[in-house]
């Protein structure tokens, strides 16, 4: 079966994301950004989308938490949730997304500590978790992320120094944005 890609461009007609989208097991790319989903505002189960490589749900009115079952999409390199109303903590299962290269979930209500499992993102190049309610220290969450070039954790409640040895982060040691 040929790989599928789907983009629903700013229709403003749909009020919610249909749960049946989770049955598209051969889907590789799903861009539902800027559709203003408002009814229920919940994410449907996406755990069967094992081949998904791009998921963009930015600029909607999604609520609730980022589902831990998203970790079943283990081949997912690109994940965006910018500008929604997602809340709660980042589930430790997020560390199972080991192929992640780009991720952004800024301007949410995500709270809690950065899970230590984020150090499994060995391919991560860009991460934006700015404008959330993250707290605690950065600690060793970003320990051996050799590919990381852009890290934005601004406008959170994080405290303390960035506890990483920059020799393990050669790309970010030359970047002025932390």
C-alpha atoms as a PDB file:
ATOM      1  CA  UNK A   1       0.000   0.000   0.000  1.00  0.00           C
ATOM      2  CA  UNK A   2       1.330   3.465  -0.891  1.00  0.00           C
ATOM      3  CA  UNK A   3       2.137   5.916   1.932  1.00  0.00           C
ATOM      4  CA  UNK A   4      -0.523   8.488   2.642  1.00  0.00           C
ATOM      5  CA  UNK A   5      -0.199  12.149   3.441  1.00  0.00           C
ATOM      6  CA  UNK A   6      -3.037  14.288   4.637  1.00  0.00           C
ATOM      7  CA  UNK A   7      -3.491  18.001   5.065  1.00  0.00           C
ATOM      8  CA  UNK A   8      -6.753  19.630   5.912  1.00  0.00           C
ATOM      9  CA  UNK A   9      -6.191  23.243   5.069  1.00  0.00           C
ATOM     10  CA  UNK A  10      -7.894  25.848   7.231  1.00  0.00           C
ATOM     11  CA  UNK A  11     -11.412  24.710   6.523  1.00  0.00           C
ATOM     12  CA  UNK A  12     -12.981  26.121   9.698  1.00  0.00           C
ATOM     13  CA  UNK A  13     -15.835  23.688   9.017  1.00  0.00           C
ATOM     14  CA  UNK A  14     -14.819  20.847  11.277  1.00  0.00           C
ATOM     15  CA  UNK A  15     -15.425  21.370  14.982  1.00  0.00           C
ATOM     16  CA  UNK A  16     -13.497  18.319  16.152  1.00  0.00           C
ATOM     17  CA  UNK A  17     -10.958  15.811  14.952  1.00  0.00           C
ATOM     18  CA  UNK A  18     -12.779  12.612  14.136  1.00  0.00           C
ATOM     19  CA  UNK A  19     -11.623   9.574  16.154  1.00  0.00           C
ATOM     20  CA  UNK A  20     -11.532   7.509  12.949  1.00  0.00           C
ATOM     21  CA  UNK A  21      -8.364   9.367  11.937  1.00  0.00           C
ATOM     22  CA  UNK A  22      -6.553   6.959  14.261  1.00  0.00           C
ATOM     23  CA  UNK A  23      -7.438   4.106  11.881  1.00  0.00           C
ATOM     24  CA  UNK A  24      -5.289   5.478   9.044  1.00  0.00           C
ATOM     25  CA  UNK A  25      -2.409   3.166   9.872  1.00  0.00           C
ATOM     26  CA  UNK A  26      -0.487   3.898   6.659  1.00  0.00           C
ATOM     27  CA  UNK A  27      -0.582   7.681   7.134  1.00  0.00           C
ATOM     28  CA  UNK A  28       2.879   9.282   6.987  1.00  0.00           C
ATOM     29  CA  UNK A  29       2.051  12.970   7.350  1.00  0.00           C
ATOM     30  CA  UNK A  30      -0.863  14.654   9.089  1.00  0.00           C
ATOM     31  CA  UNK A  31      -1.195  18.442   9.094  1.00  0.00           C
ATOM     32  CA  UNK A  32      -4.344  19.668  10.824  1.00  0.00           C
ATOM     33  CA  UNK A  33      -2.926  23.038  11.817  1.00  0.00           C
ATOM     34  CA  UNK A  34      -4.995  26.233  11.852  1.00  0.00           C
ATOM     35  CA  UNK A  35      -8.411  24.597  11.705  1.00  0.00           C
ATOM     36  CA  UNK A  36      -9.809  25.981  14.949  1.00  0.00           C
ATOM     37  CA  UNK A  37     -11.059  22.673  16.293  1.00  0.00           C
ATOM     38  CA  UNK A  38     -13.233  23.624  19.213  1.00  0.00           C
ATOM     39  CA  UNK A  39     -15.902  21.008  19.969  1.00  0.00           C
ATOM     40  CA  UNK A  40     -14.607  18.910  22.840  1.00  0.00           C
ATOM     41  CA  UNK A  41     -11.113  20.056  21.879  1.00  0.00           C
ATOM     42  CA  UNK A  42      -9.696  16.633  22.725  1.00  0.00           C
ATOM     43  CA  UNK A  43      -7.147  14.692  20.752  1.00  0.00           C
ATOM     44  CA  UNK A  44      -8.447  11.410  19.343  1.00  0.00           C
ATOM     45  CA  UNK A  45      -6.450   8.210  19.862  1.00  0.00           C
ATOM     46  CA  UNK A  46      -3.448   8.299  17.557  1.00  0.00           C
ATOM     47  CA  UNK A  47      -1.661   5.240  18.902  1.00  0.00           C
ATOM     48  CA  UNK A  48      -2.178   3.155  15.743  1.00  0.00           C
ATOM     49  CA  UNK A  49      -0.366   5.635  13.471  1.00  0.00           C
ATOM     50  CA  UNK A  50       2.936   3.736  13.636  1.00  0.00           C
ATOM     51  CA  UNK A  51       4.195   5.069  10.294  1.00  0.00           C
ATOM     52  CA  UNK A  52       3.519   8.732  11.043  1.00  0.00           C
ATOM     53  CA  UNK A  53       6.495  10.984  10.267  1.00  0.00           C
ATOM     54  CA  UNK A  54       4.900  14.441  10.587  1.00  0.00           C
ATOM     55  CA  UNK A  55       2.145  15.500  12.978  1.00  0.00           C
ATOM     56  CA  UNK A  56       1.158  19.170  13.089  1.00  0.00           C
ATOM     57  CA  UNK A  57      -1.827  20.100  15.241  1.00  0.00           C
ATOM     58  CA  UNK A  58      -0.766  23.709  15.824  1.00  0.00           C
ATOM     59  CA  UNK A  59      -3.035  26.737  16.121  1.00  0.00           C
ATOM     60  CA  UNK A  60      -6.227  24.956  17.133  1.00  0.00           C
ATOM     61  CA  UNK A  61      -8.208  24.994  20.358  1.00  0.00           C
ATOM     62  CA  UNK A  62      -7.156  21.560  21.534  1.00  0.00           C
ATOM     63  CA  UNK A  63      -7.477  20.912  25.269  1.00  0.00           C
ATOM     64  CA  UNK A  64      -6.519  18.189  27.676  1.00  0.00           C
ATOM     65  CA  UNK A  65      -3.115  16.571  27.864  1.00  0.00           C
ATOM     66  CA  UNK A  66      -0.714  15.386  25.215  1.00  0.00           C
ATOM     67  CA  UNK A  67      -1.682  11.693  25.171  1.00  0.00           C
ATOM     68  CA  UNK A  68       0.970   9.259  26.358  1.00  0.00           C
ATOM     69  CA  UNK A  69      -0.172   6.839  23.626  1.00  0.00           C
ATOM     70  CA  UNK A  70       1.452   9.178  21.113  1.00  0.00           C
ATOM     71  CA  UNK A  71       4.632   7.358  22.116  1.00  0.00           C
ATOM     72  CA  UNK A  72       3.413   4.447  19.966  1.00  0.00           C
ATOM     73  CA  UNK A  73       4.214   6.617  16.933  1.00  0.00           C
ATOM     74  CA  UNK A  74       7.864   5.701  17.431  1.00  0.00           C
ATOM     75  CA  UNK A  75       8.989   6.745  13.918  1.00  0.00           C
ATOM     76  CA  UNK A  76       7.702  10.294  14.375  1.00  0.00           C
ATOM     77  CA  UNK A  77      10.482  12.837  13.706  1.00  0.00           C
ATOM     78  CA  UNK A  78       8.324  16.013  13.501  1.00  0.00           C
ATOM     79  CA  UNK A  79       5.730  16.918  16.131  1.00  0.00           C
ATOM     80  CA  UNK A  80       4.078  20.338  16.544  1.00  0.00           C
ATOM     81  CA  UNK A  81       1.383  21.419  19.000  1.00  0.00           C
ATOM     82  CA  UNK A  82       2.031  25.199  19.005  1.00  0.00           C
ATOM     83  CA  UNK A  83      -0.723  27.509  20.277  1.00  0.00           C
ATOM     84  CA  UNK A  84      -3.351  25.213  21.738  1.00  0.00           C
ATOM     85  CA  UNK A  85      -4.717  24.914  25.269  1.00  0.00           C
ATOM     86  CA  UNK A  86      -3.003  21.685  26.236  1.00  0.00           C
ATOM     87  CA  UNK A  87      -2.259  21.266  29.933  1.00  0.00           C
ATOM     88  CA  UNK A  88      -0.791  18.776  32.357  1.00  0.00           C
ATOM     89  CA  UNK A  89       2.608  17.212  32.556  1.00  0.00           C
ATOM     90  CA  UNK A  90       4.766  15.801  29.795  1.00  0.00           C
ATOM     91  CA  UNK A  91       4.382  12.048  30.189  1.00  0.00           C
ATOM     92  CA  UNK A  92       7.650  10.106  30.590  1.00  0.00           C
ATOM     93  CA  UNK A  93       6.600   7.883  27.647  1.00  0.00           C
ATOM     94  CA  UNK A  94       7.500  10.792  25.380  1.00  0.00           C
ATOM     95  CA  UNK A  95      11.041   9.430  25.604  1.00  0.00           C
ATOM     96  CA  UNK A  96       9.939   6.550  23.367  1.00  0.00           C
ATOM     97  CA  UNK A  97       9.808   9.009  20.438  1.00  0.00           C
ATOM     98  CA  UNK A  98      13.488   8.340  19.832  1.00  0.00           C
ATOM     99  CA  UNK A  99      13.372   9.469  16.177  1.00  0.00           C
ATOM    100  CA  UNK A 100      12.152  12.975  17.086  1.00  0.00           C
ATOM    101  CA  UNK A 101      14.160  15.716  15.338  1.00  0.00           C
ATOM    102  CA  UNK A 102      11.818  18.726  15.680  1.00  0.00           C
ATOM    103  CA  UNK A 103       9.191  19.435  18.287  1.00  0.00           C
ATOM    104  CA  UNK A 104       7.319  22.481  19.447  1.00  0.00           C
ATOM    105  CA  UNK A 105       4.633  22.872  22.070  1.00  0.00           C
ATOM    106  CA  UNK A 106       4.960  26.513  23.010  1.00  0.00           C
ATOM    107  CA  UNK A 107       2.199  28.727  24.367  1.00  0.00           C
ATOM    108  CA  UNK A 108       0.310  26.000  26.227  1.00  0.00           C
ATOM    109  CA  UNK A 109      -0.361  25.301  29.875  1.00  0.00           C
ATOM    110  CA  UNK A 110       2.033  22.374  30.106  1.00  0.00           C
ATOM    111  CA  UNK A 111       3.307  22.038  33.658  1.00  0.00           C
ATOM    112  CA  UNK A 112       5.563  19.899  35.798  1.00  0.00           C
ATOM    113  CA  UNK A 113       9.161  18.860  35.356  1.00  0.00           C
ATOM    114  CA  UNK A 114      10.947  18.002  32.148  1.00  0.00           C
ATOM    115  CA  UNK A 115      11.031  14.196  32.136  1.00  0.00           C
ATOM    116  CA  UNK A 116      14.481  12.629  32.212  1.00  0.00           C
ATOM    117  CA  UNK A 117      13.380  10.378  29.340  1.00  0.00           C
ATOM    118  CA  UNK A 118      13.828  13.367  27.015  1.00  0.00           C
ATOM    119  CA  UNK A 119      17.507  12.480  26.952  1.00  0.00           C
ATOM    120  CA  UNK A 120      16.484   9.649  24.577  1.00  0.00           C
ATOM    121  CA  UNK A 121      15.939  12.221  21.809  1.00  0.00           C
ATOM    122  CA  UNK A 122      19.336  11.508  20.250  1.00  0.00           C
ATOM    123  CA  UNK A 123      18.259  12.940  16.863  1.00  0.00           C
ATOM    124  CA  UNK A 124      16.644  16.096  18.271  1.00  0.00           C
ATOM    125  CA  UNK A 125      17.741  19.280  16.486  1.00  0.00           C
ATOM    126  CA  UNK A 126      15.070  21.746  17.621  1.00  0.00           C
ATOM    127  CA  UNK A 127      12.877  21.932  20.716  1.00  0.00           C
ATOM    128  CA  UNK A 128      10.565  24.793  21.684  1.00  0.00           C
ATOM    129  CA  UNK A 129       8.684  24.502  24.978  1.00  0.00           C
ATOM    130  CA  UNK A 130       8.547  28.249  25.618  1.00  0.00           C
ATOM    131  CA  UNK A 131       5.595  30.002  27.274  1.00  0.00           C
ATOM    132  CA  UNK A 132       4.397  27.095  29.393  1.00  0.00           C
ATOM    133  CA  UNK A 133       4.292  26.452  33.135  1.00  0.00           C
ATOM    134  CA  UNK A 134       7.221  24.046  33.332  1.00  0.00           C
ATOM    135  CA  UNK A 135       8.996  24.121  36.678  1.00  0.00           C
ATOM    136  CA  UNK A 136      11.929  22.543  38.423  1.00  0.00           C
ATOM    137  CA  UNK A 137      15.423  22.363  37.064  1.00  0.00           C
ATOM    138  CA  UNK A 138      16.641  21.407  33.640  1.00  0.00           C
ATOM    139  CA  UNK A 139      18.993  18.875  35.267  1.00  0.00           C
ATOM    140  CA  UNK A 140      20.194  16.144  32.961  1.00  0.00           C
ATOM    141  CA  UNK A 141      17.145  16.010  30.709  1.00  0.00           C
ATOM    142  CA  UNK A 142      19.247  17.231  27.811  1.00  0.00           C
ATOM    143  CA  UNK A 143      22.424  15.338  28.673  1.00  0.00           C
ATOM    144  CA  UNK A 144      23.660  13.680  25.486  1.00  0.00           C
ATOM    145  CA  UNK A 145      21.686  15.437  22.773  1.00  0.00           C
ATOM    146  CA  UNK A 146      24.561  15.915  20.344  1.00  0.00           C
ATOM    147  CA  UNK A 147      22.378  17.137  17.462  1.00  0.00           C
ATOM    148  CA  UNK A 148      20.518  19.850  19.415  1.00  0.00           C
ATOM    149  CA  UNK A 149      20.899  23.273  17.757  1.00  0.00           C
ATOM    150  CA  UNK A 150      17.912  25.230  19.060  1.00  0.00           C
ATOM    151  CA  UNK A 151      16.477  24.967  22.554  1.00  0.00           C
ATOM    152  CA  UNK A 152      13.860  27.466  23.738  1.00  0.00           C
ATOM    153  CA  UNK A 153      12.655  27.012  27.305  1.00  0.00           C
ATOM    154  CA  UNK A 154      11.981  30.706  27.904  1.00  0.00           C
ATOM    155  CA  UNK A 155       8.993  32.023  29.856  1.00  0.00           C
ATOM    156  CA  UNK A 156       8.562  29.009  32.112  1.00  0.00           C
ATOM    157  CA  UNK A 157       9.130  28.583  35.834  1.00  0.00           C
ATOM    158  CA  UNK A 158      12.373  26.666  35.434  1.00  0.00           C
ATOM    159  CA  UNK A 159      15.082  27.496  37.925  1.00  0.00           C
ATOM    160  CA  UNK A 160      18.709  26.782  38.487  1.00  0.00           C
ATOM    161  CA  UNK A 161      21.532  26.434  36.006  1.00  0.00           C
ATOM    162  CA  UNK A 162      21.451  24.409  32.827  1.00  0.00           C
ATOM    163  CA  UNK A 163      23.172  21.275  34.162  1.00  0.00           C
ATOM    164  CA  UNK A 164      24.743  19.905  31.038  1.00  0.00           C
ATOM    165  CA  UNK A 165      28.314  19.735  29.895  1.00  0.00           C
ATOM    166  CA  UNK A 166      28.478  21.669  26.625  1.00  0.00           C
ATOM    167  CA  UNK A 167      31.054  19.254  25.268  1.00  0.00           C
ATOM    168  CA  UNK A 168      28.068  16.901  24.873  1.00  0.00           C
ATOM    169  CA  UNK A 169      26.099  19.630  23.095  1.00  0.00           C
ATOM    170  CA  UNK A 170      28.544  20.928  20.484  1.00  0.00           C
ATOM    171  CA  UNK A 171      25.878  22.414  18.219  1.00  0.00           C
ATOM    172  CA  UNK A 172      24.151  24.456  20.928  1.00  0.00           C
ATOM    173  CA  UNK A 173      27.387  25.708  22.514  1.00  0.00           C
ATOM    174  CA  UNK A 174      27.773  28.025  19.520  1.00  0.00           C
ATOM    175  CA  UNK A 175      24.144  29.140  19.489  1.00  0.00           C
ATOM    176  CA  UNK A 176      23.066  32.257  21.406  1.00  0.00           C
ATOM    177  CA  UNK A 177      19.451  31.071  21.939  1.00  0.00           C
ATOM    178  CA  UNK A 178      18.810  29.030  25.089  1.00  0.00           C
END
